[in-house]
Amino acid sequence: LHNNNIELKLCNDENLSPLLSEISDPPIGVYVKGTL
């Protein structure tokens, strides 16, 4: 992940929209490449 500039972000991470945790069956986290 680090070698490919990818970060694992959890649903409660500050940079993720709180709306993510409100969808049906939200993921545990998401893998992000780039800048949110």
PDB file of all heavy atoms in Angstrom:
ATOM      1  N   LEU A   1       0.839  -1.199   0.000  1.00  0.00           N
ATOM      2  CA  LEU A   1       0.000   0.000   0.000  1.00  0.00           C
ATOM      3  C   LEU A   1       0.874   1.249   0.000  1.00  0.00           C
ATOM      4  O   LEU A   1       0.681   2.156  -0.814  1.00  0.00           O
ATOM      5  CB  LEU A   1      -0.934   0.005   1.213  1.00  0.00           C
ATOM      6  CG  LEU A   1      -1.924  -1.159   1.335  1.00  0.00           C
ATOM      7  CD1 LEU A   1      -2.806  -0.976   2.560  1.00  0.00           C
ATOM      8  CD2 LEU A   1      -2.782  -1.289   0.090  1.00  0.00           C
ATOM      9  N   HIS A   2       1.827   1.301   0.911  1.00  0.00           N
ATOM     10  CA  HIS A   2       2.688   2.476   1.016  1.00  0.00           C
ATOM     11  C   HIS A   2       3.529   2.648  -0.247  1.00  0.00           C
ATOM     12  O   HIS A   2       3.735   3.778  -0.709  1.00  0.00           O
ATOM     13  CB  HIS A   2       3.579   2.364   2.250  1.00  0.00           C
ATOM     14  CG  HIS A   2       2.825   2.477   3.537  1.00  0.00           C
ATOM     15  ND1 HIS A   2       2.412   3.687   4.053  1.00  0.00           N
ATOM     16  CD2 HIS A   2       2.390   1.537   4.410  1.00  0.00           C
ATOM     17  CE1 HIS A   2       1.755   3.494   5.181  1.00  0.00           C
ATOM     18  NE2 HIS A   2       1.726   2.194   5.425  1.00  0.00           N
ATOM     19  N   ASN A   3       4.009   1.548  -0.799  1.00  0.00           N
ATOM     20  CA  ASN A   3       4.838   1.622  -2.003  1.00  0.00           C
ATOM     21  C   ASN A   3       4.065   2.157  -3.209  1.00  0.00           C
ATOM     22  O   ASN A   3       4.660   2.657  -4.162  1.00  0.00           O
ATOM     23  CB  ASN A   3       5.417   0.243  -2.342  1.00  0.00           C
ATOM     24  CG  ASN A   3       6.413  -0.232  -1.308  1.00  0.00           C
ATOM     25  OD1 ASN A   3       6.976   0.562  -0.546  1.00  0.00           O
ATOM     26  ND2 ASN A   3       6.637  -1.538  -1.247  1.00  0.00           N
ATOM     27  N   ASN A   4       2.748   2.023  -3.156  1.00  0.00           N
ATOM     28  CA  ASN A   4       1.909   2.505  -4.255  1.00  0.00           C
ATOM     29  C   ASN A   4       1.105   3.746  -3.863  1.00  0.00           C
ATOM     30  O   ASN A   4       0.132   4.102  -4.542  1.00  0.00           O
ATOM     31  CB  ASN A   4       0.958   1.389  -4.702  1.00  0.00           C
ATOM     32  CG  ASN A   4       1.668   0.287  -5.466  1.00  0.00           C
ATOM     33  OD1 ASN A   4       1.902   0.408  -6.666  1.00  0.00           O
ATOM     34  ND2 ASN A   4       2.039  -0.791  -4.766  1.00  0.00           N
ATOM     35  N   ASN A   5       1.534   4.397  -2.778  1.00  0.00           N
ATOM     36  CA  ASN A   5       0.890   5.643  -2.313  1.00  0.00           C
ATOM     37  C   ASN A   5      -0.599   5.467  -2.060  1.00  0.00           C
ATOM     38  O   ASN A   5      -1.424   6.308  -2.446  1.00  0.00           O
ATOM     39  CB  ASN A   5       1.124   6.765  -3.328  1.00  0.00           C
ATOM     40  CG  ASN A   5       2.595   7.069  -3.534  1.00  0.00           C
ATOM     41  OD1 ASN A   5       3.335   7.232  -2.565  1.00  0.00           O
ATOM     42  ND2 ASN A   5       3.030   7.126  -4.782  1.00  0.00           N
ATOM     43  N   ILE A   6      -0.930   4.357  -1.410  1.00  0.00           N
ATOM     44  CA  ILE A   6      -2.315   4.047  -1.082  1.00  0.00           C
ATOM     45  C   ILE A   6      -2.464   4.032   0.433  1.00  0.00           C
ATOM     46  O   ILE A   6      -1.616   3.512   1.149  1.00  0.00           O
ATOM     47  CB  ILE A   6      -2.731   2.684  -1.667  1.00  0.00           C
ATOM     48  CG1 ILE A   6      -2.703   2.741  -3.200  1.00  0.00           C
ATOM     49  CG2 ILE A   6      -4.116   2.270  -1.174  1.00  0.00           C
ATOM     50  CD1 ILE A   6      -2.819   1.389  -3.859  1.00  0.00           C
ATOM     51  N   GLU A   7      -3.550   4.600   0.905  1.00  0.00           N
ATOM     52  CA  GLU A   7      -3.818   4.642   2.345  1.00  0.00           C
ATOM     53  C   GLU A   7      -5.144   3.955   2.646  1.00  0.00           C
ATOM     54  O   GLU A   7      -6.126   4.134   1.919  1.00  0.00           O
ATOM     55  CB  GLU A   7      -3.860   6.085   2.839  1.00  0.00           C
ATOM     56  CG  GLU A   7      -4.055   6.212   4.341  1.00  0.00           C
ATOM     57  CD  GLU A   7      -4.046   7.645   4.832  1.00  0.00           C
ATOM     58  OE1 GLU A   7      -3.870   8.553   3.995  1.00  0.00           O
ATOM     59  OE2 GLU A   7      -4.227   7.857   6.049  1.00  0.00           O
ATOM     60  N   LEU A   8      -5.153   3.164   3.701  1.00  0.00           N
ATOM     61  CA  LEU A   8      -6.394   2.559   4.180  1.00  0.00           C
ATOM     62  C   LEU A   8      -7.037   3.512   5.178  1.00  0.00           C
ATOM     63  O   LEU A   8      -6.447   3.825   6.208  1.00  0.00           O
ATOM     64  CB  LEU A   8      -6.111   1.208   4.839  1.00  0.00           C
ATOM     65  CG  LEU A   8      -7.287   0.535   5.560  1.00  0.00           C
ATOM     66  CD1 LEU A   8      -8.455   0.295   4.607  1.00  0.00           C
ATOM     67  CD2 LEU A   8      -6.843  -0.776   6.202  1.00  0.00           C
ATOM     68  N   LYS A   9      -8.213   3.995   4.854  1.00  0.00           N
ATOM     69  CA  LYS A   9      -8.934   4.906   5.741  1.00  0.00           C
ATOM     70  C   LYS A   9     -10.183   4.218   6.270  1.00  0.00           C
ATOM     71  O   LYS A   9     -10.917   3.584   5.508  1.00  0.00           O
ATOM     72  CB  LYS A   9      -9.330   6.191   4.999  1.00  0.00           C
ATOM     73  CG  LYS A   9      -8.130   7.071   4.619  1.00  0.00           C
ATOM     74  CD  LYS A   9      -8.595   8.347   3.943  1.00  0.00           C
ATOM     75  CE  LYS A   9      -7.426   9.272   3.633  1.00  0.00           C
ATOM     76  NZ  LYS A   9      -6.820   9.825   4.866  1.00  0.00           N
ATOM     77  N   LEU A  10     -10.415   4.349   7.557  1.00  0.00           N
ATOM     78  CA  LEU A  10     -11.602   3.766   8.166  1.00  0.00           C
ATOM     79  C   LEU A  10     -12.751   4.760   8.106  1.00  0.00           C
ATOM     80  O   LEU A  10     -12.551   5.963   7.931  1.00  0.00           O
ATOM     81  CB  LEU A  10     -11.301   3.366   9.608  1.00  0.00           C
ATOM     82  CG  LEU A  10     -10.085   2.451   9.792  1.00  0.00           C
ATOM     83  CD1 LEU A  10      -9.942   2.051  11.257  1.00  0.00           C
ATOM     84  CD2 LEU A  10     -10.184   1.216   8.906  1.00  0.00           C
ATOM     85  N   CYS A  11     -13.962   4.258   8.275  1.00  0.00           N
ATOM     86  CA  CYS A  11     -15.137   5.109   8.111  1.00  0.00           C
ATOM     87  C   CYS A  11     -15.160   6.295   9.069  1.00  0.00           C
ATOM     88  O   CYS A  11     -15.795   7.306   8.785  1.00  0.00           O
ATOM     89  CB  CYS A  11     -16.414   4.284   8.274  1.00  0.00           C
ATOM     90  SG  CYS A  11     -16.839   3.349   6.790  1.00  0.00           S
ATOM     91  N   ASN A  12     -14.484   6.180  10.213  1.00  0.00           N
ATOM     92  CA  ASN A  12     -14.475   7.282  11.175  1.00  0.00           C
ATOM     93  C   ASN A  12     -13.284   8.219  11.003  1.00  0.00           C
ATOM     94  O   ASN A  12     -13.083   9.126  11.802  1.00  0.00           O
ATOM     95  CB  ASN A  12     -14.510   6.737  12.610  1.00  0.00           C
ATOM     96  CG  ASN A  12     -13.329   5.828  12.923  1.00  0.00           C
ATOM     97  OD1 ASN A  12     -12.516   5.534  12.042  1.00  0.00           O
ATOM     98  ND2 ASN A  12     -13.234   5.373  14.163  1.00  0.00           N
ATOM     99  N   ASP A  13     -12.483   8.012   9.954  1.00  0.00           N
ATOM    100  CA  ASP A  13     -11.366   8.919   9.699  1.00  0.00           C
ATOM    101  C   ASP A  13     -11.892  10.312   9.347  1.00  0.00           C
ATOM    102  O   ASP A  13     -12.910  10.446   8.657  1.00  0.00           O
ATOM    103  CB  ASP A  13     -10.492   8.402   8.545  1.00  0.00           C
ATOM    104  CG  ASP A  13      -9.538   7.307   9.003  1.00  0.00           C
ATOM    105  OD1 ASP A  13      -9.622   6.920  10.174  1.00  0.00           O
ATOM    106  OD2 ASP A  13      -8.710   6.854   8.195  1.00  0.00           O
ATOM    107  N   GLU A  14     -11.173  11.339   9.790  1.00  0.00           N
ATOM    108  CA  GLU A  14     -11.635  12.713   9.627  1.00  0.00           C
ATOM    109  C   GLU A  14     -11.815  13.111   8.166  1.00  0.00           C
ATOM    110  O   GLU A  14     -12.721  13.862   7.824  1.00  0.00           O
ATOM    111  CB  GLU A  14     -10.658  13.682  10.304  1.00  0.00           C
ATOM    112  CG  GLU A  14     -10.668  13.594  11.827  1.00  0.00           C
ATOM    113  CD  GLU A  14      -9.747  14.616  12.457  1.00  0.00           C
ATOM    114  OE1 GLU A  14      -9.094  15.366  11.698  1.00  0.00           O
ATOM    115  OE2 GLU A  14      -9.678  14.674  13.691  1.00  0.00           O
ATOM    116  N   ASN A  15     -10.936  12.631   7.287  1.00  0.00           N
ATOM    117  CA  ASN A  15     -10.974  13.073   5.896  1.00  0.00           C
ATOM    118  C   ASN A  15     -12.062  12.411   5.061  1.00  0.00           C
ATOM    119  O   ASN A  15     -12.262  12.777   3.912  1.00  0.00           O
ATOM    120  CB  ASN A  15      -9.618  12.828   5.226  1.00  0.00           C
ATOM    121  CG  ASN A  15      -8.560  13.783   5.740  1.00  0.00           C
ATOM    122  OD1 ASN A  15      -8.878  14.819   6.309  1.00  0.00           O
ATOM    123  ND2 ASN A  15      -7.301  13.438   5.540  1.00  0.00           N
ATOM    124  N   LEU A  16     -12.746  11.424   5.632  1.00  0.00           N
ATOM    125  CA  LEU A  16     -13.839  10.773   4.905  1.00  0.00           C
ATOM    126  C   LEU A  16     -15.159  11.446   5.245  1.00  0.00           C
ATOM    127  O   LEU A  16     -15.389  11.865   6.381  1.00  0.00           O
ATOM    128  CB  LEU A  16     -13.911   9.289   5.254  1.00  0.00           C
ATOM    129  CG  LEU A  16     -12.838   8.376   4.666  1.00  0.00           C
ATOM    130  CD1 LEU A  16     -13.094   6.940   5.093  1.00  0.00           C
ATOM    131  CD2 LEU A  16     -12.791   8.464   3.151  1.00  0.00           C
ATOM    132  N   SER A  17     -16.032  11.531   4.249  1.00  0.00           N
ATOM    133  CA  SER A  17     -17.346  12.112   4.491  1.00  0.00           C
ATOM    134  C   SER A  17     -18.116  11.247   5.492  1.00  0.00           C
ATOM    135  O   SER A  17     -18.145  10.018   5.368  1.00  0.00           O
ATOM    136  CB  SER A  17     -18.126  12.200   3.178  1.00  0.00           C
ATOM    137  OG  SER A  17     -19.479  12.535   3.435  1.00  0.00           O
ATOM    138  N   PRO A  18     -18.765  11.865   6.483  1.00  0.00           N
ATOM    139  CA  PRO A  18     -19.581  11.090   7.436  1.00  0.00           C
ATOM    140  C   PRO A  18     -20.740  10.375   6.759  1.00  0.00           C
ATOM    141  O   PRO A  18     -21.311   9.440   7.314  1.00  0.00           O
ATOM    142  CB  PRO A  18     -20.072  12.155   8.430  1.00  0.00           C
ATOM    143  CG  PRO A  18     -19.951  13.458   7.699  1.00  0.00           C
ATOM    144  CD  PRO A  18     -18.774  13.304   6.788  1.00  0.00           C
ATOM    145  N   LEU A  19     -21.076  10.808   5.534  1.00  0.00           N
ATOM    146  CA  LEU A  19     -22.161  10.158   4.805  1.00  0.00           C
ATOM    147  C   LEU A  19     -21.828   8.706   4.479  1.00  0.00           C
ATOM    148  O   LEU A  19     -22.729   7.893   4.281  1.00  0.00           O
ATOM    149  CB  LEU A  19     -22.461  10.925   3.515  1.00  0.00           C
ATOM    150  CG  LEU A  19     -23.023  12.346   3.676  1.00  0.00           C
ATOM    151  CD1 LEU A  19     -23.161  13.013   2.317  1.00  0.00           C
ATOM    152  CD2 LEU A  19     -24.359  12.314   4.393  1.00  0.00           C
ATOM    153  N   LEU A  20     -20.521   8.380   4.421  1.00  0.00           N
ATOM    154  CA  LEU A  20     -20.122   7.015   4.092  1.00  0.00           C
ATOM    155  C   LEU A  20     -20.665   6.017   5.100  1.00  0.00           C
ATOM    156  O   LEU A  20     -21.075   4.910   4.746  1.00  0.00           O
ATOM    157  CB  LEU A  20     -18.594   6.913   4.017  1.00  0.00           C
ATOM    158  CG  LEU A  20     -18.014   5.552   3.630  1.00  0.00           C
ATOM    159  CD1 LEU A  20     -18.464   5.152   2.232  1.00  0.00           C
ATOM    160  CD2 LEU A  20     -16.494   5.566   3.711  1.00  0.00           C
ATOM    161  N   SER A  21     -20.674   6.410   6.362  1.00  0.00           N
ATOM    162  CA  SER A  21     -21.149   5.494   7.407  1.00  0.00           C
ATOM    163  C   SER A  21     -22.674   5.383   7.427  1.00  0.00           C
ATOM    164  O   SER A  21     -23.219   4.551   8.148  1.00  0.00           O
ATOM    165  CB  SER A  21     -20.656   5.958   8.781  1.00  0.00           C
ATOM    166  OG  SER A  21     -21.149   7.256   9.074  1.00  0.00           O
ATOM    167  N   GLU A  22     -23.354   6.213   6.618  1.00  0.00           N
ATOM    168  CA  GLU A  22     -24.808   6.203   6.607  1.00  0.00           C
ATOM    169  C   GLU A  22     -25.395   5.393   5.449  1.00  0.00           C
ATOM    170  O   GLU A  22     -26.608   5.201   5.380  1.00  0.00           O
ATOM    171  CB  GLU A  22     -25.339   7.643   6.534  1.00  0.00           C
ATOM    172  CG  GLU A  22     -24.961   8.479   7.751  1.00  0.00           C
ATOM    173  CD  GLU A  22     -25.448   9.911   7.639  1.00  0.00           C
ATOM    174  OE1 GLU A  22     -26.286  10.177   6.736  1.00  0.00           O
ATOM    175  OE2 GLU A  22     -25.009  10.757   8.431  1.00  0.00           O
ATOM    176  N   ILE A  23     -24.528   4.923   4.542  1.00  0.00           N
ATOM    177  CA  ILE A  23     -25.057   4.140   3.421  1.00  0.00           C
ATOM    178  C   ILE A  23     -25.446   2.746   3.888  1.00  0.00           C
ATOM    179  O   ILE A  23     -25.083   2.323   4.989  1.00  0.00           O
ATOM    180  CB  ILE A  23     -24.033   4.038   2.264  1.00  0.00           C
ATOM    181  CG1 ILE A  23     -22.820   3.185   2.691  1.00  0.00           C
ATOM    182  CG2 ILE A  23     -23.602   5.404   1.793  1.00  0.00           C
ATOM    183  CD1 ILE A  23     -21.868   2.879   1.551  1.00  0.00           C
ATOM    184  N   SER A  24     -26.170   2.034   3.046  1.00  0.00           N
ATOM    185  CA  SER A  24     -26.546   0.667   3.368  1.00  0.00           C
ATOM    186  C   SER A  24     -25.300  -0.214   3.449  1.00  0.00           C
ATOM    187  O   SER A  24     -24.487  -0.230   2.524  1.00  0.00           O
ATOM    188  CB  SER A  24     -27.493   0.131   2.288  1.00  0.00           C
ATOM    189  OG  SER A  24     -27.760  -1.240   2.469  1.00  0.00           O
ATOM    190  N   ASP A  25     -25.132  -0.903   4.557  1.00  0.00           N
ATOM    191  CA  ASP A  25     -24.013  -1.823   4.743  1.00  0.00           C
ATOM    192  C   ASP A  25     -22.666  -1.132   4.455  1.00  0.00           C
ATOM    193  O   ASP A  25     -21.942  -1.515   3.537  1.00  0.00           O
ATOM    194  CB  ASP A  25     -24.173  -3.036   3.823  1.00  0.00           C
ATOM    195  CG  ASP A  25     -23.183  -4.151   4.161  1.00  0.00           C
ATOM    196  OD1 ASP A  25     -22.783  -4.245   5.329  1.00  0.00           O
ATOM    197  OD2 ASP A  25     -22.823  -4.903   3.251  1.00  0.00           O
ATOM    198  N   PRO A  26     -22.326  -0.099   5.230  1.00  0.00           N
ATOM    199  CA  PRO A  26     -21.083   0.647   4.958  1.00  0.00           C
ATOM    200  C   PRO A  26     -19.846  -0.233   5.099  1.00  0.00           C
ATOM    201  O   PRO A  26     -19.834  -1.180   5.888  1.00  0.00           O
ATOM    202  CB  PRO A  26     -21.093   1.751   6.020  1.00  0.00           C
ATOM    203  CG  PRO A  26     -21.955   1.212   7.121  1.00  0.00           C
ATOM    204  CD  PRO A  26     -23.002   0.389   6.443  1.00  0.00           C
ATOM    205  N   PRO A  27     -18.805   0.063   4.335  1.00  0.00           N
ATOM    206  CA  PRO A  27     -17.580  -0.742   4.420  1.00  0.00           C
ATOM    207  C   PRO A  27     -16.840  -0.483   5.733  1.00  0.00           C
ATOM    208  O   PRO A  27     -17.068   0.537   6.394  1.00  0.00           O
ATOM    209  CB  PRO A  27     -16.757  -0.247   3.225  1.00  0.00           C
ATOM    210  CG  PRO A  27     -17.211   1.159   3.024  1.00  0.00           C
ATOM    211  CD  PRO A  27     -18.678   1.156   3.356  1.00  0.00           C
ATOM    212  N   ILE A  28     -15.950  -1.399   6.083  1.00  0.00           N
ATOM    213  CA  ILE A  28     -15.118  -1.205   7.270  1.00  0.00           C
ATOM    214  C   ILE A  28     -14.189  -0.019   7.057  1.00  0.00           C
ATOM    215  O   ILE A  28     -13.938   0.789   7.944  1.00  0.00           O
ATOM    216  CB  ILE A  28     -14.307  -2.476   7.552  1.00  0.00           C
ATOM    217  CG1 ILE A  28     -15.253  -3.635   7.859  1.00  0.00           C
ATOM    218  CG2 ILE A  28     -13.308  -2.265   8.688  1.00  0.00           C
ATOM    219  CD1 ILE A  28     -14.604  -5.008   7.779  1.00  0.00           C
ATOM    220  N   GLY A  29     -13.704   0.085   5.847  1.00  0.00           N
ATOM    221  CA  GLY A  29     -12.828   1.181   5.458  1.00  0.00           C
ATOM    222  C   GLY A  29     -12.679   1.185   3.953  1.00  0.00           C
ATOM    223  O   GLY A  29     -13.248   0.337   3.260  1.00  0.00           O
ATOM    224  N   VAL A  30     -11.949   2.156   3.435  1.00  0.00           N
ATOM    225  CA  VAL A  30     -11.714   2.229   2.000  1.00  0.00           C
ATOM    226  C   VAL A  30     -10.233   2.498   1.750  1.00  0.00           C
ATOM    227  O   VAL A  30      -9.549   3.129   2.557  1.00  0.00           O
ATOM    228  CB  VAL A  30     -12.566   3.332   1.323  1.00  0.00           C
ATOM    229  CG1 VAL A  30     -14.029   2.968   1.362  1.00  0.00           C
ATOM    230  CG2 VAL A  30     -12.323   4.694   1.958  1.00  0.00           C
ATOM    231  N   TYR A  31      -9.764   2.009   0.619  1.00  0.00           N
ATOM    232  CA  TYR A  31      -8.395   2.254   0.178  1.00  0.00           C
ATOM    233  C   TYR A  31      -8.407   3.475  -0.732  1.00  0.00           C
ATOM    234  O   TYR A  31      -9.227   3.555  -1.656  1.00  0.00           O
ATOM    235  CB  TYR A  31      -7.845   1.036  -0.558  1.00  0.00           C
ATOM    236  CG  TYR A  31      -7.703  -0.182   0.329  1.00  0.00           C
ATOM    237  CD1 TYR A  31      -8.769  -1.071   0.504  1.00  0.00           C
ATOM    238  CD2 TYR A  31      -6.504  -0.452   0.994  1.00  0.00           C
ATOM    239  CE1 TYR A  31      -8.645  -2.189   1.315  1.00  0.00           C
ATOM    240  CE2 TYR A  31      -6.371  -1.567   1.805  1.00  0.00           C
ATOM    241  CZ  TYR A  31      -7.437  -2.428   1.962  1.00  0.00           C
ATOM    242  OH  TYR A  31      -7.320  -3.539   2.776  1.00  0.00           O
ATOM    243  N   VAL A  32      -7.502   4.404  -0.472  1.00  0.00           N
ATOM    244  CA  VAL A  32      -7.501   5.679  -1.188  1.00  0.00           C
ATOM    245  C   VAL A  32      -6.141   5.928  -1.823  1.00  0.00           C
ATOM    246  O   VAL A  32      -5.105   5.849  -1.152  1.00  0.00           O
ATOM    247  CB  VAL A  32      -7.835   6.850  -0.235  1.00  0.00           C
ATOM    248  CG1 VAL A  32      -7.788   8.178  -0.989  1.00  0.00           C
ATOM    249  CG2 VAL A  32      -9.196   6.646   0.406  1.00  0.00           C
ATOM    250  N   LYS A  33      -6.153   6.237  -3.113  1.00  0.00           N
ATOM    251  CA  LYS A  33      -4.948   6.670  -3.821  1.00  0.00           C
ATOM    252  C   LYS A  33      -5.197   8.084  -4.317  1.00  0.00           C
ATOM    253  O   LYS A  33      -6.193   8.340  -4.993  1.00  0.00           O
ATOM    254  CB  LYS A  33      -4.636   5.753  -5.005  1.00  0.00           C
ATOM    255  CG  LYS A  33      -3.311   6.088  -5.719  1.00  0.00           C
ATOM    256  CD  LYS A  33      -3.045   5.101  -6.841  1.00  0.00           C
ATOM    257  CE  LYS A  33      -1.745   5.408  -7.582  1.00  0.00           C
ATOM    258  NZ  LYS A  33      -0.554   5.215  -6.741  1.00  0.00           N
ATOM    259  N   GLY A  34      -4.317   9.009  -3.973  1.00  0.00           N
ATOM    260  CA  GLY A  34      -4.499  10.397  -4.347  1.00  0.00           C
ATOM    261  C   GLY A  34      -4.911  11.234  -3.153  1.00  0.00           C
ATOM    262  O   GLY A  34      -4.636  10.888  -2.005  1.00  0.00           O
ATOM    263  N   THR A  35      -5.600  12.326  -3.431  1.00  0.00           N
ATOM    264  CA  THR A  35      -6.016  13.277  -2.394  1.00  0.00           C
ATOM    265  C   THR A  35      -7.532  13.390  -2.386  1.00  0.00           C
ATOM    266  O   THR A  35      -8.144  13.648  -3.434  1.00  0.00           O
ATOM    267  CB  THR A  35      -5.414  14.669  -2.662  1.00  0.00           C
ATOM    268  OG1 THR A  35      -3.996  14.560  -2.751  1.00  0.00           O
ATOM    269  CG2 THR A  35      -5.774  15.634  -1.540  1.00  0.00           C
ATOM    270  N   LEU A  36      -8.126  13.221  -1.215  1.00  0.00           N
ATOM    271  CA  LEU A  36      -9.576  13.368  -1.114  1.00  0.00           C
ATOM    272  C   LEU A  36      -9.923  14.853  -1.059  1.00  0.00           C
ATOM    273  O   LEU A  36      -9.589  15.531  -0.080  1.00  0.00           O
ATOM    274  CB  LEU A  36     -10.100  12.664   0.138  1.00  0.00           C
ATOM    275  CG  LEU A  36     -10.098  11.140   0.102  1.00  0.00           C
ATOM    276  CD1 LEU A  36     -10.481  10.586   1.476  1.00  0.00           C
ATOM    277  CD2 LEU A  36     -11.059  10.624  -0.957  1.00  0.00           C
TER     278      LEU A  36
END
